[in-house]
Amino acid sequence: MAKDPTDYSTVDFIAPALHVTCGQVLMDRQRHIAIVAKKGRSDVHLVRVKSGVLKLTKLSAKELVEEWSDADYPFDRAVAKLQELGRQHGITDAARLALERLAKSGCEPTQHRLFG
């Protein structure tokens, strides 16, 4: 049975917005951290561990809101942690370049509220 399009009792009719910025630290339900490496109009690229390797992965706004939340984790510590995980378990070239670019910027971005 299909969902009634006039049922406004849930909020899934509201299109998710991307309230993130490059360098923002996020956390998933398993308490894994990720950093926003690139933000587009309707998607973001996160540097995160996926399948045991540090990768740059593209997520839609909907996937981002469903799977990730704001992290109370310092930017510089998150970059160092992800770089260490990359050395231990492997890292793709795209993820390595994104982390180097973030580390080179040397300053923590303004952290937005994902649900703000």
PDB file of N, CA and C in Angstrom:
ATOM      1  N   MET A   1       0.848  -1.177   0.000  1.00  0.00           N
ATOM      2  CA  MET A   1       0.000   0.000   0.000  1.00  0.00           C
ATOM      3  C   MET A   1       0.894   1.241   0.000  1.00  0.00           C
ATOM      4  N   ALA A   2       0.648   2.141  -0.902  1.00  0.00           N
ATOM      5  CA  ALA A   2       1.434   3.367  -1.028  1.00  0.00           C
ATOM      6  C   ALA A   2       1.046   4.362   0.060  1.00  0.00           C
ATOM      7  N   LYS A   3       1.995   5.191   0.393  1.00  0.00           N
ATOM      8  CA  LYS A   3       1.751   6.225   1.402  1.00  0.00           C
ATOM      9  C   LYS A   3       0.805   7.271   0.834  1.00  0.00           C
ATOM     10  N   ASP A   4      -0.123   7.682   1.635  1.00  0.00           N
ATOM     11  CA  ASP A   4      -1.078   8.708   1.248  1.00  0.00           C
ATOM     12  C   ASP A   4      -0.341  10.040   1.108  1.00  0.00           C
ATOM     13  N   PRO A   5      -0.327  10.653  -0.086  1.00  0.00           N
ATOM     14  CA  PRO A   5       0.421  11.911  -0.272  1.00  0.00           C
ATOM     15  C   PRO A   5      -0.145  13.091   0.512  1.00  0.00           C
ATOM     16  N   THR A   6      -1.370  12.956   1.026  1.00  0.00           N
ATOM     17  CA  THR A   6      -1.944  14.045   1.832  1.00  0.00           C
ATOM     18  C   THR A   6      -1.730  13.827   3.322  1.00  0.00           C
ATOM     19  N   ASP A   7      -1.005  12.760   3.683  1.00  0.00           N
ATOM     20  CA  ASP A   7      -0.723  12.479   5.095  1.00  0.00           C
ATOM     21  C   ASP A   7       0.427  13.356   5.554  1.00  0.00           C
ATOM     22  N   TYR A   8       0.119  14.384   6.316  1.00  0.00           N
ATOM     23  CA  TYR A   8       1.131  15.320   6.800  1.00  0.00           C
ATOM     24  C   TYR A   8       1.508  15.043   8.253  1.00  0.00           C
ATOM     25  N   SER A   9       1.186  13.847   8.743  1.00  0.00           N
ATOM     26  CA  SER A   9       1.524  13.511  10.125  1.00  0.00           C
ATOM     27  C   SER A   9       2.997  13.165  10.290  1.00  0.00           C
ATOM     28  N   THR A  10       3.680  12.943   9.189  1.00  0.00           N
ATOM     29  CA  THR A  10       5.128  12.715   9.236  1.00  0.00           C
ATOM     30  C   THR A  10       5.823  13.860   8.521  1.00  0.00           C
ATOM     31  N   VAL A  11       7.119  13.986   8.743  1.00  0.00           N
ATOM     32  CA  VAL A  11       7.849  15.119   8.174  1.00  0.00           C
ATOM     33  C   VAL A  11       8.612  14.761   6.911  1.00  0.00           C
ATOM     34  N   ASP A  12       8.361  13.574   6.329  1.00  0.00           N
ATOM     35  CA  ASP A  12       9.147  13.181   5.169  1.00  0.00           C
ATOM     36  C   ASP A  12       8.779  13.948   3.901  1.00  0.00           C
ATOM     37  N   PHE A  13       7.781  14.809   3.963  1.00  0.00           N
ATOM     38  CA  PHE A  13       7.449  15.635   2.805  1.00  0.00           C
ATOM     39  C   PHE A  13       8.347  16.873   2.739  1.00  0.00           C
ATOM     40  N   ILE A  14       9.101  17.129   3.794  1.00  0.00           N
ATOM     41  CA  ILE A  14      10.002  18.276   3.817  1.00  0.00           C
ATOM     42  C   ILE A  14      11.342  17.852   3.228  1.00  0.00           C
ATOM     43  N   ALA A  15      11.754  18.521   2.185  1.00  0.00           N
ATOM     44  CA  ALA A  15      13.035  18.183   1.558  1.00  0.00           C
ATOM     45  C   ALA A  15      14.172  18.550   2.506  1.00  0.00           C
ATOM     46  N   PRO A  16      15.100  17.607   2.760  1.00  0.00           N
ATOM     47  CA  PRO A  16      16.209  17.918   3.659  1.00  0.00           C
ATOM     48  C   PRO A  16      17.126  18.981   3.057  1.00  0.00           C
ATOM     49  N   ALA A  17      17.593  19.861   3.883  1.00  0.00           N
ATOM     50  CA  ALA A  17      18.521  20.904   3.443  1.00  0.00           C
ATOM     51  C   ALA A  17      19.914  20.565   3.936  1.00  0.00           C
ATOM     52  N   LEU A  18      20.915  21.056   3.233  1.00  0.00           N
ATOM     53  CA  LEU A  18      22.303  20.793   3.599  1.00  0.00           C
ATOM     54  C   LEU A  18      22.824  21.923   4.472  1.00  0.00           C
ATOM     55  N   HIS A  19      22.692  21.759   5.766  1.00  0.00           N
ATOM     56  CA  HIS A  19      23.190  22.739   6.723  1.00  0.00           C
ATOM     57  C   HIS A  19      24.561  22.308   7.232  1.00  0.00           C
ATOM     58  N   VAL A  20      25.492  22.117   6.319  1.00  0.00           N
ATOM     59  CA  VAL A  20      26.857  21.721   6.677  1.00  0.00           C
ATOM     60  C   VAL A  20      27.832  22.594   5.909  1.00  0.00           C
ATOM     61  N   THR A  21      29.081  22.563   6.338  1.00  0.00           N
ATOM     62  CA  THR A  21      30.124  23.295   5.646  1.00  0.00           C
ATOM     63  C   THR A  21      31.340  22.392   5.499  1.00  0.00           C
ATOM     64  N   CYS A  22      32.213  22.704   4.574  1.00  0.00           N
ATOM     65  CA  CYS A  22      33.428  21.920   4.401  1.00  0.00           C
ATOM     66  C   CYS A  22      34.240  21.948   5.696  1.00  0.00           C
ATOM     67  N   GLY A  23      34.695  20.781   6.102  1.00  0.00           N
ATOM     68  CA  GLY A  23      35.457  20.658   7.336  1.00  0.00           C
ATOM     69  C   GLY A  23      34.623  20.330   8.549  1.00  0.00           C
ATOM     70  N   GLN A  24      33.311  20.315   8.401  1.00  0.00           N
ATOM     71  CA  GLN A  24      32.451  20.008   9.548  1.00  0.00           C
ATOM     72  C   GLN A  24      32.590  18.537   9.928  1.00  0.00           C
ATOM     73  N   VAL A  25      32.648  18.283  11.226  1.00  0.00           N
ATOM     74  CA  VAL A  25      32.788  16.933  11.756  1.00  0.00           C
ATOM     75  C   VAL A  25      31.403  16.381  12.081  1.00  0.00           C
ATOM     76  N   LEU A  26      31.125  15.173  11.572  1.00  0.00           N
ATOM     77  CA  LEU A  26      29.846  14.510  11.804  1.00  0.00           C
ATOM     78  C   LEU A  26      30.078  13.149  12.448  1.00  0.00           C
ATOM     79  N   MET A  27      29.008  12.563  13.001  1.00  0.00           N
ATOM     80  CA  MET A  27      29.100  11.255  13.629  1.00  0.00           C
ATOM     81  C   MET A  27      27.854  10.444  13.258  1.00  0.00           C
ATOM     82  N   ASP A  28      28.054   9.136  13.016  1.00  0.00           N
ATOM     83  CA  ASP A  28      26.900   8.281  12.722  1.00  0.00           C
ATOM     84  C   ASP A  28      26.434   7.578  13.996  1.00  0.00           C
ATOM     85  N   ARG A  29      25.462   6.703  13.870  1.00  0.00           N
ATOM     86  CA  ARG A  29      24.887   6.031  15.044  1.00  0.00           C
ATOM     87  C   ARG A  29      25.870   5.084  15.734  1.00  0.00           C
ATOM     88  N   GLN A  30      26.852   4.594  14.988  1.00  0.00           N
ATOM     89  CA  GLN A  30      27.867   3.718  15.570  1.00  0.00           C
ATOM     90  C   GLN A  30      29.043   4.515  16.131  1.00  0.00           C
ATOM     91  N   ARG A  31      28.890   5.823  16.193  1.00  0.00           N
ATOM     92  CA  ARG A  31      29.890   6.749  16.731  1.00  0.00           C
ATOM     93  C   ARG A  31      31.152   6.813  15.880  1.00  0.00           C
ATOM     94  N   HIS A  32      31.027   6.570  14.571  1.00  0.00           N
ATOM     95  CA  HIS A  32      32.124   6.763  13.636  1.00  0.00           C
ATOM     96  C   HIS A  32      32.115   8.225  13.207  1.00  0.00           C
ATOM     97  N   ILE A  33      33.300   8.814  13.120  1.00  0.00           N
ATOM     98  CA  ILE A  33      33.360  10.214  12.702  1.00  0.00           C
ATOM     99  C   ILE A  33      33.617  10.304  11.197  1.00  0.00           C
ATOM    100  N   ALA A  34      33.243  11.431  10.648  1.00  0.00           N
ATOM    101  CA  ALA A  34      33.486  11.754   9.244  1.00  0.00           C
ATOM    102  C   ALA A  34      33.664  13.261   9.154  1.00  0.00           C
ATOM    103  N   ILE A  35      34.296  13.693   8.068  1.00  0.00           N
ATOM    104  CA  ILE A  35      34.482  15.128   7.840  1.00  0.00           C
ATOM    105  C   ILE A  35      33.932  15.468   6.462  1.00  0.00           C
ATOM    106  N   VAL A  36      33.193  16.559   6.390  1.00  0.00           N
ATOM    107  CA  VAL A  36      32.670  17.034   5.113  1.00  0.00           C
ATOM    108  C   VAL A  36      33.843  17.601   4.311  1.00  0.00           C
ATOM    109  N   ALA A  37      34.121  16.979   3.158  1.00  0.00           N
ATOM    110  CA  ALA A  37      35.237  17.402   2.320  1.00  0.00           C
ATOM    111  C   ALA A  37      34.782  18.344   1.212  1.00  0.00           C
ATOM    112  N   LYS A  38      33.540  18.167   0.751  1.00  0.00           N
ATOM    113  CA  LYS A  38      33.033  18.972  -0.356  1.00  0.00           C
ATOM    114  C   LYS A  38      31.517  19.027  -0.247  1.00  0.00           C
ATOM    115  N   LYS A  39      30.970  20.195  -0.518  1.00  0.00           N
ATOM    116  CA  LYS A  39      29.520  20.374  -0.444  1.00  0.00           C
ATOM    117  C   LYS A  39      29.016  20.881  -1.786  1.00  0.00           C
ATOM    118  N   GLY A  40      28.023  20.184  -2.310  1.00  0.00           N
ATOM    119  CA  GLY A  40      27.363  20.617  -3.536  1.00  0.00           C
ATOM    120  C   GLY A  40      26.002  21.189  -3.211  1.00  0.00           C
ATOM    121  N   ARG A  41      25.187  21.380  -4.227  1.00  0.00           N
ATOM    122  CA  ARG A  41      23.845  21.918  -4.000  1.00  0.00           C
ATOM    123  C   ARG A  41      22.918  20.894  -3.366  1.00  0.00           C
ATOM    124  N   SER A  42      23.073  19.623  -3.763  1.00  0.00           N
ATOM    125  CA  SER A  42      22.159  18.605  -3.248  1.00  0.00           C
ATOM    126  C   SER A  42      22.877  17.381  -2.680  1.00  0.00           C
ATOM    127  N   ASP A  43      24.199  17.451  -2.586  1.00  0.00           N
ATOM    128  CA  ASP A  43      24.942  16.331  -2.035  1.00  0.00           C
ATOM    129  C   ASP A  43      26.233  16.806  -1.375  1.00  0.00           C
ATOM    130  N   VAL A  44      26.822  15.909  -0.613  1.00  0.00           N
ATOM    131  CA  VAL A  44      28.094  16.194   0.054  1.00  0.00           C
ATOM    132  C   VAL A  44      29.031  15.010  -0.139  1.00  0.00           C
ATOM    133  N   HIS A  45      30.319  15.272  -0.016  1.00  0.00           N
ATOM    134  CA  HIS A  45      31.332  14.228  -0.030  1.00  0.00           C
ATOM    135  C   HIS A  45      31.935  14.178   1.375  1.00  0.00           C
ATOM    136  N   LEU A  46      31.906  12.999   1.978  1.00  0.00           N
ATOM    137  CA  LEU A  46      32.460  12.803   3.307  1.00  0.00           C
ATOM    138  C   LEU A  46      33.721  11.954   3.227  1.00  0.00           C
ATOM    139  N   VAL A  47      34.717  12.299   4.048  1.00  0.00           N
ATOM    140  CA  VAL A  47      35.859  11.423   4.268  1.00  0.00           C
ATOM    141  C   VAL A  47      35.476  10.586   5.470  1.00  0.00           C
ATOM    142  N   ARG A  48      35.377   9.266   5.256  1.00  0.00           N
ATOM    143  CA  ARG A  48      34.944   8.369   6.323  1.00  0.00           C
ATOM    144  C   ARG A  48      35.463   6.960   6.073  1.00  0.00           C
ATOM    145  N   VAL A  49      35.399   6.147   7.115  1.00  0.00           N
ATOM    146  CA  VAL A  49      35.777   4.744   6.981  1.00  0.00           C
ATOM    147  C   VAL A  49      34.580   3.996   6.413  1.00  0.00           C
ATOM    148  N   LYS A  50      34.819   3.292   5.324  1.00  0.00           N
ATOM    149  CA  LYS A  50      33.774   2.472   4.719  1.00  0.00           C
ATOM    150  C   LYS A  50      34.429   1.181   4.246  1.00  0.00           C
ATOM    151  N   SER A  51      33.891   0.061   4.665  1.00  0.00           N
ATOM    152  CA  SER A  51      34.441  -1.258   4.339  1.00  0.00           C
ATOM    153  C   SER A  51      35.887  -1.387   4.800  1.00  0.00           C
ATOM    154  N   GLY A  52      36.207  -0.781   5.939  1.00  0.00           N
ATOM    155  CA  GLY A  52      37.533  -0.908   6.527  1.00  0.00           C
ATOM    156  C   GLY A  52      38.596   0.000   5.945  1.00  0.00           C
ATOM    157  N   VAL A  53      38.250   0.812   4.962  1.00  0.00           N
ATOM    158  CA  VAL A  53      39.205   1.710   4.306  1.00  0.00           C
ATOM    159  C   VAL A  53      38.667   3.134   4.367  1.00  0.00           C
ATOM    160  N   LEU A  54      39.571   4.098   4.495  1.00  0.00           N
ATOM    161  CA  LEU A  54      39.168   5.499   4.489  1.00  0.00           C
ATOM    162  C   LEU A  54      38.880   5.908   3.048  1.00  0.00           C
ATOM    163  N   LYS A  55      37.650   6.372   2.814  1.00  0.00           N
ATOM    164  CA  LYS A  55      37.210   6.713   1.459  1.00  0.00           C
ATOM    165  C   LYS A  55      36.511   8.054   1.437  1.00  0.00           C
ATOM    166  N   LEU A  56      36.420   8.605   0.250  1.00  0.00           N
ATOM    167  CA  LEU A  56      35.615   9.798  -0.006  1.00  0.00           C
ATOM    168  C   LEU A  56      34.309   9.289  -0.599  1.00  0.00           C
ATOM    169  N   THR A  57      33.201   9.489   0.108  1.00  0.00           N
ATOM    170  CA  THR A  57      31.916   8.981  -0.364  1.00  0.00           C
ATOM    171  C   THR A  57      30.924  10.122  -0.548  1.00  0.00           C
ATOM    172  N   LYS A  58      30.103   9.965  -1.575  1.00  0.00           N
ATOM    173  CA  LYS A  58      29.099  10.975  -1.902  1.00  0.00           C
ATOM    174  C   LYS A  58      27.751  10.562  -1.312  1.00  0.00           C
ATOM    175  N   LEU A  59      27.104  11.498  -0.621  1.00  0.00           N
ATOM    176  CA  LEU A  59      25.795  11.258  -0.031  1.00  0.00           C
ATOM    177  C   LEU A  59      24.819  12.340  -0.463  1.00  0.00           C
ATOM    178  N   SER A  60      23.574  11.940  -0.654  1.00  0.00           N
ATOM    179  CA  SER A  60      22.530  12.929  -0.931  1.00  0.00           C
ATOM    180  C   SER A  60      22.164  13.613   0.385  1.00  0.00           C
ATOM    181  N   ALA A  61      21.433  14.701   0.280  1.00  0.00           N
ATOM    182  CA  ALA A  61      20.983  15.406   1.486  1.00  0.00           C
ATOM    183  C   ALA A  61      20.137  14.485   2.354  1.00  0.00           C
ATOM    184  N   LYS A  62      19.290  13.686   1.741  1.00  0.00           N
ATOM    185  CA  LYS A  62      18.437  12.755   2.487  1.00  0.00           C
ATOM    186  C   LYS A  62      19.279  11.725   3.232  1.00  0.00           C
ATOM    187  N   GLU A  63      20.265  11.125   2.556  1.00  0.00           N
ATOM    188  CA  GLU A  63      21.134  10.140   3.211  1.00  0.00           C
ATOM    189  C   GLU A  63      21.906  10.772   4.362  1.00  0.00           C
ATOM    190  N   LEU A  64      22.376  11.992   4.160  1.00  0.00           N
ATOM    191  CA  LEU A  64      23.136  12.685   5.200  1.00  0.00           C
ATOM    192  C   LEU A  64      22.288  12.881   6.457  1.00  0.00           C
ATOM    193  N   VAL A  65      21.083  13.356   6.278  1.00  0.00           N
ATOM    194  CA  VAL A  65      20.200  13.625   7.420  1.00  0.00           C
ATOM    195  C   VAL A  65      19.778  12.331   8.111  1.00  0.00           C
ATOM    196  N   GLU A  66      19.579  11.267   7.343  1.00  0.00           N
ATOM    197  CA  GLU A  66      19.146   9.995   7.923  1.00  0.00           C
ATOM    198  C   GLU A  66      20.266   9.289   8.684  1.00  0.00           C
ATOM    199  N   GLU A  67      21.500   9.399   8.216  1.00  0.00           N
ATOM    200  CA  GLU A  67      22.595   8.590   8.757  1.00  0.00           C
ATOM    201  C   GLU A  67      23.557   9.337   9.671  1.00  0.00           C
ATOM    202  N   TRP A  68      23.640  10.653   9.573  1.00  0.00           N
ATOM    203  CA  TRP A  68      24.677  11.410  10.272  1.00  0.00           C
ATOM    204  C   TRP A  68      24.069  12.498  11.145  1.00  0.00           C
ATOM    205  N   SER A  69      24.814  12.885  12.175  1.00  0.00           N
ATOM    206  CA  SER A  69      24.389  13.975  13.048  1.00  0.00           C
ATOM    207  C   SER A  69      25.603  14.812  13.433  1.00  0.00           C
ATOM    208  N   ASP A  70      25.344  15.927  14.083  1.00  0.00           N
ATOM    209  CA  ASP A  70      26.419  16.807  14.536  1.00  0.00           C
ATOM    210  C   ASP A  70      27.313  16.058  15.521  1.00  0.00           C
ATOM    211  N   ALA A  71      28.598  16.337  15.453  1.00  0.00           N
ATOM    212  CA  ALA A  71      29.541  15.705  16.380  1.00  0.00           C
ATOM    213  C   ALA A  71      30.192  16.780  17.235  1.00  0.00           C
ATOM    214  N   ASP A  72      30.263  16.509  18.505  1.00  0.00           N
ATOM    215  CA  ASP A  72      30.969  17.402  19.413  1.00  0.00           C
ATOM    216  C   ASP A  72      32.410  16.886  19.491  1.00  0.00           C
ATOM    217  N   TYR A  73      33.132  17.057  18.394  1.00  0.00           N
ATOM    218  CA  TYR A  73      34.476  16.498  18.235  1.00  0.00           C
ATOM    219  C   TYR A  73      35.332  17.572  17.582  1.00  0.00           C
ATOM    220  N   PRO A  74      36.464  17.910  18.148  1.00  0.00           N
ATOM    221  CA  PRO A  74      37.290  18.991  17.595  1.00  0.00           C
ATOM    222  C   PRO A  74      37.803  18.678  16.183  1.00  0.00           C
ATOM    223  N   PHE A  75      37.785  19.684  15.330  1.00  0.00           N
ATOM    224  CA  PHE A  75      38.204  19.553  13.938  1.00  0.00           C
ATOM    225  C   PHE A  75      39.617  18.987  13.810  1.00  0.00           C
ATOM    226  N   ASP A  76      40.593  19.586  14.507  1.00  0.00           N
ATOM    227  CA  ASP A  76      41.982  19.150  14.360  1.00  0.00           C
ATOM    228  C   ASP A  76      42.178  17.720  14.843  1.00  0.00           C
ATOM    229  N   ARG A  77      41.475  17.343  15.894  1.00  0.00           N
ATOM    230  CA  ARG A  77      41.555  15.976  16.400  1.00  0.00           C
ATOM    231  C   ARG A  77      40.931  14.981  15.422  1.00  0.00           C
ATOM    232  N   ALA A  78      39.831  15.376  14.788  1.00  0.00           N
ATOM    233  CA  ALA A  78      39.162  14.517  13.807  1.00  0.00           C
ATOM    234  C   ALA A  78      40.052  14.296  12.584  1.00  0.00           C
ATOM    235  N   VAL A  79      40.694  15.343  12.100  1.00  0.00           N
ATOM    236  CA  VAL A  79      41.595  15.202  10.947  1.00  0.00           C
ATOM    237  C   VAL A  79      42.740  14.262  11.298  1.00  0.00           C
ATOM    238  N   ALA A  80      43.348  14.459  12.461  1.00  0.00           N
ATOM    239  CA  ALA A  80      44.464  13.603  12.891  1.00  0.00           C
ATOM    240  C   ALA A  80      44.003  12.152  13.051  1.00  0.00           C
ATOM    241  N   LYS A  81      42.825  11.937  13.634  1.00  0.00           N
ATOM    242  CA  LYS A  81      42.297  10.590  13.836  1.00  0.00           C
ATOM    243  C   LYS A  81      42.058   9.894  12.500  1.00  0.00           C
ATOM    244  N   LEU A  82      41.456  10.599  11.549  1.00  0.00           N
ATOM    245  CA  LEU A  82      41.186  10.000  10.248  1.00  0.00           C
ATOM    246  C   LEU A  82      42.482   9.719   9.490  1.00  0.00           C
ATOM    247  N   GLN A  83      43.472  10.601   9.594  1.00  0.00           N
ATOM    248  CA  GLN A  83      44.762  10.351   8.948  1.00  0.00           C
ATOM    249  C   GLN A  83      45.423   9.104   9.540  1.00  0.00           C
ATOM    250  N   GLU A  84      45.345   8.949  10.849  1.00  0.00           N
ATOM    251  CA  GLU A  84      45.907   7.768  11.513  1.00  0.00           C
ATOM    252  C   GLU A  84      45.180   6.497  11.070  1.00  0.00           C
ATOM    253  N   LEU A  85      43.860   6.546  10.983  1.00  0.00           N
ATOM    254  CA  LEU A  85      43.090   5.396  10.505  1.00  0.00           C
ATOM    255  C   LEU A  85      43.477   5.043   9.072  1.00  0.00           C
ATOM    256  N   GLY A  86      43.729   6.068   8.257  1.00  0.00           N
ATOM    257  CA  GLY A  86      44.165   5.838   6.886  1.00  0.00           C
ATOM    258  C   GLY A  86      45.515   5.137   6.820  1.00  0.00           C
ATOM    259  N   ARG A  87      46.443   5.535   7.695  1.00  0.00           N
ATOM    260  CA  ARG A  87      47.762   4.880   7.729  1.00  0.00           C
ATOM    261  C   ARG A  87      47.641   3.430   8.194  1.00  0.00           C
ATOM    262  N   GLN A  88      46.749   3.174   9.137  1.00  0.00           N
ATOM    263  CA  GLN A  88      46.599   1.827   9.690  1.00  0.00           C
ATOM    264  C   GLN A  88      45.850   0.877   8.754  1.00  0.00           C
ATOM    265  N   HIS A  89      44.782   1.362   8.136  1.00  0.00           N
ATOM    266  CA  HIS A  89      43.881   0.476   7.401  1.00  0.00           C
ATOM    267  C   HIS A  89      43.828   0.718   5.901  1.00  0.00           C
ATOM    268  N   GLY A  90      44.454   1.772   5.433  1.00  0.00           N
ATOM    269  CA  GLY A  90      44.417   2.094   4.009  1.00  0.00           C
ATOM    270  C   GLY A  90      43.539   3.294   3.735  1.00  0.00           C
ATOM    271  N   ILE A  91      43.881   3.990   2.666  1.00  0.00           N
ATOM    272  CA  ILE A  91      43.165   5.211   2.311  1.00  0.00           C
ATOM    273  C   ILE A  91      43.202   5.378   0.797  1.00  0.00           C
ATOM    274  N   THR A  92      42.085   5.810   0.236  1.00  0.00           N
ATOM    275  CA  THR A  92      42.060   6.070  -1.200  1.00  0.00           C
ATOM    276  C   THR A  92      42.757   7.398  -1.482  1.00  0.00           C
ATOM    277  N   ASP A  93      43.211   7.579  -2.722  1.00  0.00           N
ATOM    278  CA  ASP A  93      43.888   8.833  -3.089  1.00  0.00           C
ATOM    279  C   ASP A  93      42.978  10.041  -2.902  1.00  0.00           C
ATOM    280  N   ALA A  94      41.707   9.890  -3.262  1.00  0.00           N
ATOM    281  CA  ALA A  94      40.765  11.009  -3.137  1.00  0.00           C
ATOM    282  C   ALA A  94      40.594  11.417  -1.676  1.00  0.00           C
ATOM    283  N   ALA A  95      40.495  10.439  -0.776  1.00  0.00           N
ATOM    284  CA  ALA A  95      40.343  10.741   0.650  1.00  0.00           C
ATOM    285  C   ALA A  95      41.617  11.366   1.205  1.00  0.00           C
ATOM    286  N   ARG A  96      42.765  10.859   0.786  1.00  0.00           N
ATOM    287  CA  ARG A  96      44.038  11.409   1.256  1.00  0.00           C
ATOM    288  C   ARG A  96      44.180  12.868   0.837  1.00  0.00           C
ATOM    289  N   LEU A  97      43.873  13.168  -0.425  1.00  0.00           N
ATOM    290  CA  LEU A  97      43.967  14.546  -0.914  1.00  0.00           C
ATOM    291  C   LEU A  97      42.988  15.470  -0.189  1.00  0.00           C
ATOM    292  N   ALA A  98      41.776  14.980   0.069  1.00  0.00           N
ATOM    293  CA  ALA A  98      40.781  15.792   0.772  1.00  0.00           C
ATOM    294  C   ALA A  98      41.244  16.096   2.192  1.00  0.00           C
ATOM    295  N   LEU A  99      41.791  15.100   2.897  1.00  0.00           N
ATOM    296  CA  LEU A  99      42.283  15.326   4.255  1.00  0.00           C
ATOM    297  C   LEU A  99      43.475  16.271   4.264  1.00  0.00           C
ATOM    298  N   GLU A 100      44.370  16.126   3.294  1.00  0.00           N
ATOM    299  CA  GLU A 100      45.520  17.036   3.212  1.00  0.00           C
ATOM    300  C   GLU A 100      45.063  18.471   2.989  1.00  0.00           C
ATOM    301  N   ARG A 101      44.068  18.642   2.129  1.00  0.00           N
ATOM    302  CA  ARG A 101      43.537  19.982   1.853  1.00  0.00           C
ATOM    303  C   ARG A 101      42.907  20.584   3.117  1.00  0.00           C
ATOM    304  N   LEU A 102      42.160  19.770   3.864  1.00  0.00           N
ATOM    305  CA  LEU A 102      41.548  20.245   5.107  1.00  0.00           C
ATOM    306  C   LEU A 102      42.609  20.566   6.153  1.00  0.00           C
ATOM    307  N   ALA A 103      43.616  19.702   6.284  1.00  0.00           N
ATOM    308  CA  ALA A 103      44.680  19.927   7.267  1.00  0.00           C
ATOM    309  C   ALA A 103      45.488  21.169   6.918  1.00  0.00           C
ATOM    310  N   LYS A 104      45.704  21.401   5.636  1.00  0.00           N
ATOM    311  CA  LYS A 104      46.483  22.558   5.188  1.00  0.00           C
ATOM    312  C   LYS A 104      45.751  23.870   5.467  1.00  0.00           C
ATOM    313  N   SER A 105      44.416  23.812   5.436  1.00  0.00           N
ATOM    314  CA  SER A 105      43.655  25.037   5.712  1.00  0.00           C
ATOM    315  C   SER A 105      43.973  25.524   7.121  1.00  0.00           C
ATOM    316  N   GLY A 106      44.249  24.572   8.030  1.00  0.00           N
ATOM    317  CA  GLY A 106      44.736  24.906   9.359  1.00  0.00           C
ATOM    318  C   GLY A 106      43.768  25.589  10.297  1.00  0.00           C
ATOM    319  N   CYS A 107      42.554  25.788   9.865  1.00  0.00           N
ATOM    320  CA  CYS A 107      41.612  26.445  10.776  1.00  0.00           C
ATOM    321  C   CYS A 107      40.288  25.701  10.758  1.00  0.00           C
ATOM    322  N   GLU A 108      39.690  25.645  11.905  1.00  0.00           N
ATOM    323  CA  GLU A 108      38.412  24.967  12.040  1.00  0.00           C
ATOM    324  C   GLU A 108      37.320  25.809  11.390  1.00  0.00           C
ATOM    325  N   PRO A 109      36.483  25.165  10.571  1.00  0.00           N
ATOM    326  CA  PRO A 109      35.384  25.900   9.949  1.00  0.00           C
ATOM    327  C   PRO A 109      34.312  26.227  10.974  1.00  0.00           C
ATOM    328  N   THR A 110      33.451  27.120  10.629  1.00  0.00           N
ATOM    329  CA  THR A 110      32.285  27.389  11.467  1.00  0.00           C
ATOM    330  C   THR A 110      31.402  26.154  11.412  1.00  0.00           C
ATOM    331  N   GLN A 111      31.108  25.589  12.553  1.00  0.00           N
ATOM    332  CA  GLN A 111      30.291  24.380  12.604  1.00  0.00           C
ATOM    333  C   GLN A 111      28.816  24.767  12.574  1.00  0.00           C
ATOM    334  N   HIS A 112      28.119  24.269  11.562  1.00  0.00           N
ATOM    335  CA  HIS A 112      26.681  24.502  11.449  1.00  0.00           C
ATOM    336  C   HIS A 112      25.940  23.420  12.216  1.00  0.00           C
ATOM    337  N   ARG A 113      24.672  23.634  12.428  1.00  0.00           N
ATOM    338  CA  ARG A 113      23.821  22.617  13.022  1.00  0.00           C
ATOM    339  C   ARG A 113      23.181  21.857  11.873  1.00  0.00           C
ATOM    340  N   LEU A 114      23.372  20.545  11.818  1.00  0.00           N
ATOM    341  CA  LEU A 114      22.832  19.729  10.738  1.00  0.00           C
ATOM    342  C   LEU A 114      21.314  19.835  10.670  1.00  0.00           C
ATOM    343  N   PHE A 115      20.671  19.919  11.820  1.00  0.00           N
ATOM    344  CA  PHE A 115      19.225  20.023  11.858  1.00  0.00           C
ATOM    345  C   PHE A 115      18.786  21.425  12.256  1.00  0.00           C
ATOM    346  N   GLY A 116      19.567  22.445  11.861  1.00  0.00           N
ATOM    347  CA  GLY A 116      19.259  23.795  12.307  1.00  0.00           C
ATOM    348  C   GLY A 116      18.768  24.654  11.299  1.00  0.00           C
TER     349      GLY A 116
END
